[in-house]
C-alpha atoms as a PDB file:
ATOM      1  CA  MET A   1      -7.321  20.808  -4.311  1.00  0.00           C
ATOM      2  CA  GLY A   2      -7.853  22.211  -0.845  1.00  0.00           C
ATOM      3  CA  GLN A   3      -7.140  20.264   2.343  1.00  0.00           C
ATOM      4  CA  GLU A   4     -10.846  19.668   3.057  1.00  0.00           C
ATOM      5  CA  ASP A   5     -11.448  18.236  -0.430  1.00  0.00           C
ATOM      6  CA  PHE A   6      -8.291  16.167  -0.127  1.00  0.00           C
ATOM      7  CA  GLU A   7      -9.465  14.692   3.184  1.00  0.00           C
ATOM      8  CA  GLN A   8     -12.949  14.027   1.763  1.00  0.00           C
ATOM      9  CA  THR A   9     -11.391  12.131  -1.147  1.00  0.00           C
ATOM     10  CA  TYR A  10      -9.290  10.111   1.299  1.00  0.00           C
ATOM     11  CA  LEU A  11     -12.393   9.368   3.348  1.00  0.00           C
ATOM     12  CA  TYR A  12     -14.272   7.939   0.342  1.00  0.00           C
ATOM     13  CA  HIS A  13     -11.229   5.979  -0.779  1.00  0.00           C
ATOM     14  CA  ASN A  14     -10.607   4.513   2.673  1.00  0.00           C
ATOM     15  CA  GLU A  15     -14.264   3.621   3.185  1.00  0.00           C
ATOM     16  CA  SER A  16     -14.296   1.666  -0.074  1.00  0.00           C
ATOM     17  CA  MET A  17     -11.022  -0.062   0.861  1.00  0.00           C
ATOM     18  CA  PHE A  18     -12.394  -0.829   4.319  1.00  0.00           C
ATOM     19  CA  GLN A  19     -15.472  -2.482   2.805  1.00  0.00           C
ATOM     20  CA  VAL A  20     -13.312  -4.713   0.584  1.00  0.00           C
ATOM     21  CA  VAL A  21     -10.932  -5.607   3.427  1.00  0.00           C
ATOM     22  CA  ASP A  22     -13.867  -6.250   5.782  1.00  0.00           C
ATOM     23  CA  SER A  23     -15.496  -8.510   3.193  1.00  0.00           C
ATOM     24  CA  VAL A  24     -12.312 -10.545   2.817  1.00  0.00           C
ATOM     25  CA  THR A  25     -11.889 -10.782   6.601  1.00  0.00           C
ATOM     26  CA  ARG A  26     -15.484 -11.998   7.057  1.00  0.00           C
ATOM     27  CA  SER A  27     -15.363 -14.485   4.177  1.00  0.00           C
ATOM     28  CA  THR A  28     -11.980 -15.995   5.078  1.00  0.00           C
ATOM     29  CA  GLY A  29     -11.987 -15.611   8.855  1.00  0.00           C
ATOM     30  CA  ARG A  30      -8.498 -14.091   8.628  1.00  0.00           C
ATOM     31  CA  LEU A  31      -7.832 -10.489   9.643  1.00  0.00           C
ATOM     32  CA  THR A  32      -7.044  -8.649   6.416  1.00  0.00           C
ATOM     33  CA  LYS A  33      -5.292  -5.304   6.173  1.00  0.00           C
ATOM     34  CA  LEU A  34      -4.436  -2.911   3.381  1.00  0.00           C
ATOM     35  CA  LEU A  35      -1.059  -2.960   1.652  1.00  0.00           C
ATOM     36  CA  ARG A  36      -0.162   0.324  -0.024  1.00  0.00           C
ATOM     37  CA  ILE A  37       2.563   0.012  -2.658  1.00  0.00           C
ATOM     38  CA  ILE A  38       4.305   3.155  -3.844  1.00  0.00           C
ATOM     39  CA  ASP A  39       6.411   2.670  -6.963  1.00  0.00           C
ATOM     40  CA  MET A  40       9.432   4.958  -6.631  1.00  0.00           C
ATOM     41  CA  ASN A  41      10.936   4.138 -10.032  1.00  0.00           C
ATOM     42  CA  ASN A  42      12.615   7.237 -11.514  1.00  0.00           C
ATOM     43  CA  THR A  43      11.758   9.369  -8.471  1.00  0.00           C
ATOM     44  CA  ARG A  44      13.874  12.485  -8.139  1.00  0.00           C
ATOM     45  CA  LEU A  45      14.140  14.441  -4.890  1.00  0.00           C
ATOM     46  CA  ARG A  46      13.635  17.788  -6.595  1.00  0.00           C
ATOM     47  CA  LYS A  47      10.429  16.524  -8.263  1.00  0.00           C
ATOM     48  CA  ILE A  48       8.665  15.575  -4.998  1.00  0.00           C
ATOM     49  CA  SER A  49       5.842  18.004  -4.265  1.00  0.00           C
ATOM     50  CA  TYR A  50       6.109  19.341  -0.734  1.00  0.00           C
ATOM     51  CA  LYS A  51       2.518  20.619  -0.847  1.00  0.00           C
ATOM     52  CA  TYR A  52       1.144  17.212  -1.857  1.00  0.00           C
ATOM     53  CA  THR A  53       3.293  15.405   0.708  1.00  0.00           C
ATOM     54  CA  LYS A  54       2.048  17.721   3.452  1.00  0.00           C
ATOM     55  CA  GLN A  55      -1.615  17.281   2.396  1.00  0.00           C
ATOM     56  CA  ASP A  56      -1.183  13.521   2.160  1.00  0.00           C
ATOM     57  CA  ALA A  57       0.334  13.291   5.643  1.00  0.00           C
ATOM     58  CA  ALA A  58      -2.411  15.448   7.180  1.00  0.00           C
ATOM     59  CA  ALA A  59      -5.174  13.436   5.497  1.00  0.00           C
ATOM     60  CA  ALA A  60      -3.543  10.135   6.512  1.00  0.00           C
ATOM     61  CA  LYS A  61      -3.447  11.303  10.122  1.00  0.00           C
ATOM     62  CA  VAL A  62      -7.174  12.146  10.031  1.00  0.00           C
ATOM     63  CA  MET A  63      -7.981   8.777   8.420  1.00  0.00           C
ATOM     64  CA  GLU A  64      -6.069   6.919  11.132  1.00  0.00           C
ATOM     65  CA  ASP A  65      -8.733   8.171  13.576  1.00  0.00           C
ATOM     66  CA  PHE A  66     -11.544   6.685  11.442  1.00  0.00           C
ATOM     67  CA  TYR A  67      -9.743   3.496  10.354  1.00  0.00           C
ATOM     68  CA  PRO A  68      -7.081   2.796  12.984  1.00  0.00           C
ATOM     69  CA  GLN A  69      -6.193  -0.713  11.854  1.00  0.00           C
ATOM     70  CA  LEU A  70      -6.926  -0.546   8.108  1.00  0.00           C
ATOM     71  CA  LEU A  71      -3.352  -0.017   6.951  1.00  0.00           C
ATOM     72  CA  GLY A  72      -1.104  -3.007   7.394  1.00  0.00           C
ATOM     73  CA  MET A  73       1.958  -1.709   5.584  1.00  0.00           C
ATOM     74  CA  VAL A  74       3.220   0.920   3.168  1.00  0.00           C
ATOM     75  CA  CYS A  75       5.853  -0.453   0.863  1.00  0.00           C
ATOM     76  CA  ALA A  76       7.933   1.804  -1.352  1.00  0.00           C
ATOM     77  CA  VAL A  77       9.347  -0.340  -4.155  1.00  0.00           C
ATOM     78  CA  ILE A  78      12.160   0.236  -6.633  1.00  0.00           C
ATOM     79  CA  CYS A  79      13.579   2.870  -4.290  1.00  0.00           C
ATOM     80  CA  PRO A  80      16.527   5.005  -5.211  1.00  0.00           C
ATOM     81  CA  GLY A  81      19.459   4.550  -2.851  1.00  0.00           C
ATOM     82  CA  TRP A  82      19.215   8.092  -1.478  1.00  0.00           C
ATOM     83  CA  LEU A  83      15.686   7.417  -0.167  1.00  0.00           C
ATOM     84  CA  ASP A  84      16.787   4.427   1.862  1.00  0.00           C
ATOM     85  CA  HIS A  85      19.631   6.481   3.368  1.00  0.00           C
ATOM     86  CA  MET A  86      17.238   9.333   4.226  1.00  0.00           C
ATOM     87  CA  TRP A  87      14.820   6.885   5.864  1.00  0.00           C
ATOM     88  CA  ASN A  88      17.612   5.461   8.009  1.00  0.00           C
ATOM     89  CA  ILE A  89      18.402   8.988   9.208  1.00  0.00           C
ATOM     90  CA  TRP A  90      14.756   9.991   9.804  1.00  0.00           C
ATOM     91  CA  CYS A  91      13.270   6.790  11.221  1.00  0.00           C
ATOM     92  CA  PRO A  92      14.466   7.394  14.819  1.00  0.00           C
ATOM     93  CA  LEU A  93      12.294  10.542  14.779  1.00  0.00           C
ATOM     94  CA  PHE A  94       9.078   8.593  14.124  1.00  0.00           C
ATOM     95  CA  PRO A  95       7.053   6.475  16.567  1.00  0.00           C
ATOM     96  CA  SER A  96       7.817   2.753  16.369  1.00  0.00           C
ATOM     97  CA  ARG A  97       4.275   1.986  15.116  1.00  0.00           C
ATOM     98  CA  VAL A  98       4.982   4.154  12.055  1.00  0.00           C
ATOM     99  CA  VAL A  99       8.438   2.669  11.456  1.00  0.00           C
ATOM    100  CA  LYS A 100       6.997  -0.882  11.571  1.00  0.00           C
ATOM    101  CA  LYS A 101       4.492  -0.055   8.813  1.00  0.00           C
ATOM    102  CA  TRP A 102       7.014   1.335   6.310  1.00  0.00           C
ATOM    103  CA  HIS A 103       9.312  -0.801   4.168  1.00  0.00           C
ATOM    104  CA  PHE A 104      11.633   0.275   1.376  1.00  0.00           C
ATOM    105  CA  LEU A 105      12.537  -2.270  -1.276  1.00  0.00           C
ATOM    106  CA  PRO A 106      15.491  -1.884  -3.623  1.00  0.00           C
ATOM    107  CA  SER A 107      15.512  -2.038  -7.399  1.00  0.00           C
ATOM    108  CA  VAL A 108      14.222  -5.166  -9.130  1.00  0.00           C
ATOM    109  CA  ALA A 109      17.802  -6.138 -10.044  1.00  0.00           C
ATOM    110  CA  ASN A 110      18.746  -6.099  -6.353  1.00  0.00           C
ATOM    111  CA  MET A 111      15.558  -7.956  -5.389  1.00  0.00           C
ATOM    112  CA  LYS A 112      16.555 -10.746  -7.771  1.00  0.00           C
ATOM    113  CA  LYS A 113      19.772 -11.154  -5.794  1.00  0.00           C
ATOM    114  CA  SER A 114      18.004 -11.439  -2.439  1.00  0.00           C
ATOM    115  CA  LYS A 115      14.502 -12.877  -2.069  1.00  0.00           C
ATOM    116  CA  GLU A 116      14.574 -11.692   1.554  1.00  0.00           C
ATOM    117  CA  ASP A 117      13.536  -8.222   0.349  1.00  0.00           C
ATOM    118  CA  LEU A 118      10.143  -9.563  -0.761  1.00  0.00           C
ATOM    119  CA  LYS A 119       9.212 -11.053   2.618  1.00  0.00           C
ATOM    120  CA  PRO A 120       7.384  -7.928   3.882  1.00  0.00           C
ATOM    121  CA  ILE A 121       5.134  -7.825   0.788  1.00  0.00           C
ATOM    122  CA  LEU A 122       4.546 -11.573   0.786  1.00  0.00           C
ATOM    123  CA  ARG A 123       2.864 -11.250   4.186  1.00  0.00           C
ATOM    124  CA  TYR A 124       0.036  -9.462   2.331  1.00  0.00           C
ATOM    125  CA  VAL A 125       0.165 -10.729  -1.264  1.00  0.00           C
ATOM    126  CA  SER A 126       0.952 -14.212  -2.526  1.00  0.00           C
ATOM    127  CA  GLN A 127       3.784 -14.651  -5.029  1.00  0.00           C
ATOM    128  CA  GLU A 128       1.293 -15.660  -7.755  1.00  0.00           C
ATOM    129  CA  ASN A 129      -0.786 -12.472  -7.254  1.00  0.00           C
ATOM    130  CA  LEU A 130       2.152 -10.091  -7.000  1.00  0.00           C
ATOM    131  CA  PRO A 131       2.762  -8.286 -10.327  1.00  0.00           C
ATOM    132  CA  ASN A 132       5.841  -9.472 -12.208  1.00  0.00           C
ATOM    133  CA  THR A 133       7.115  -5.874 -12.091  1.00  0.00           C
ATOM    134  CA  TYR A 134       7.846  -6.540  -8.420  1.00  0.00           C
ATOM    135  CA  GLU A 135       9.257 -10.057  -8.892  1.00  0.00           C
ATOM    136  CA  GLY A 136       5.850 -11.750  -8.633  1.00  0.00           C
ATOM    137  CA  GLN A 137       4.210 -14.191 -11.036  1.00  0.00           C
ATOM    138  CA  ASN A 138       1.158 -12.150 -12.121  1.00  0.00           C
ATOM    139  CA  ASN A 139       1.508 -10.980 -15.750  1.00  0.00           C
ATOM    140  CA  GLU A 140      -1.938  -9.344 -15.889  1.00  0.00           C
ATOM    141  CA  TRP A 141      -1.889  -5.558 -16.228  1.00  0.00           C
ATOM    142  CA  PRO A 142      -3.757  -3.559 -15.225  1.00  0.00           C
ATOM    143  CA  LEU A 143      -4.528  -5.583 -12.144  1.00  0.00           C
ATOM    144  CA  PRO A 144      -8.147  -6.697 -11.729  1.00  0.00           C
ATOM    145  CA  VAL A 145     -10.302  -4.281  -9.794  1.00  0.00           C
ATOM    146  CA  ALA A 146     -11.039  -5.687  -6.330  1.00  0.00           C
ATOM    147  CA  GLY A 147     -14.561  -4.262  -6.290  1.00  0.00           C
ATOM    148  CA  GLU A 148     -15.460  -6.170  -9.454  1.00  0.00           C
ATOM    149  CA  HIS A 149     -14.094  -9.352  -7.914  1.00  0.00           C
ATOM    150  CA  PHE A 150     -16.196  -8.979  -4.763  1.00  0.00           C
ATOM    151  CA  ALA A 151     -19.289  -7.925  -6.699  1.00  0.00           C
ATOM    152  CA  ALA A 152     -18.962 -11.155  -8.694  1.00  0.00           C
ATOM    153  CA  MET A 153     -18.556 -13.127  -5.453  1.00  0.00           C
ATOM    154  CA  GLU A 154     -21.707 -11.485  -4.076  1.00  0.00           C
ATOM    155  CA  ARG A 155     -23.675 -12.291  -7.258  1.00  0.00           C
ATOM    156  CA  ASP A 156     -22.529 -15.922  -7.029  1.00  0.00           C
ATOM    157  CA  THR A 157     -23.460 -16.090  -3.344  1.00  0.00           C
ATOM    158  CA  ILE A 158     -27.026 -14.832  -3.828  1.00  0.00           C
ATOM    159  CA  GLY A 159     -27.497 -16.738  -7.070  1.00  0.00           C
ATOM    160  CA  LEU A 160     -27.824 -13.925  -9.615  1.00  0.00           C
END
């Protein structure tokens, strides 16, 4: 996929996410932001696609212009130890606003030892809605589609 198509896909994705987040913000009166969870289980450094990573970063930068406050946090979960070490080396090179939005959580076994690791995610997702894969209480998989949830809310609101 070329960079233009990649950015167009991001644009559609972010617009749909923005509509859901905006709906939640308006219905609850609480500012709602997007939490992006990246499951790093079994990630190997040599398997990471440089081309994809470069396209993703460029598209994310473009989207930040359209949706400056949409993303609340990116959380990489079940991270291999090497990734955390690399982040600690690289993070001084990034602006503080970027560093604040990225969190790396250890393996589930290590999360069980320290509930402190879950605090960043629990700012965005309640314990009962967090999938049990990430030490939450939600056993449902796949997770319900947010659009279906809000479409049902809309139907209930207008009496369909």
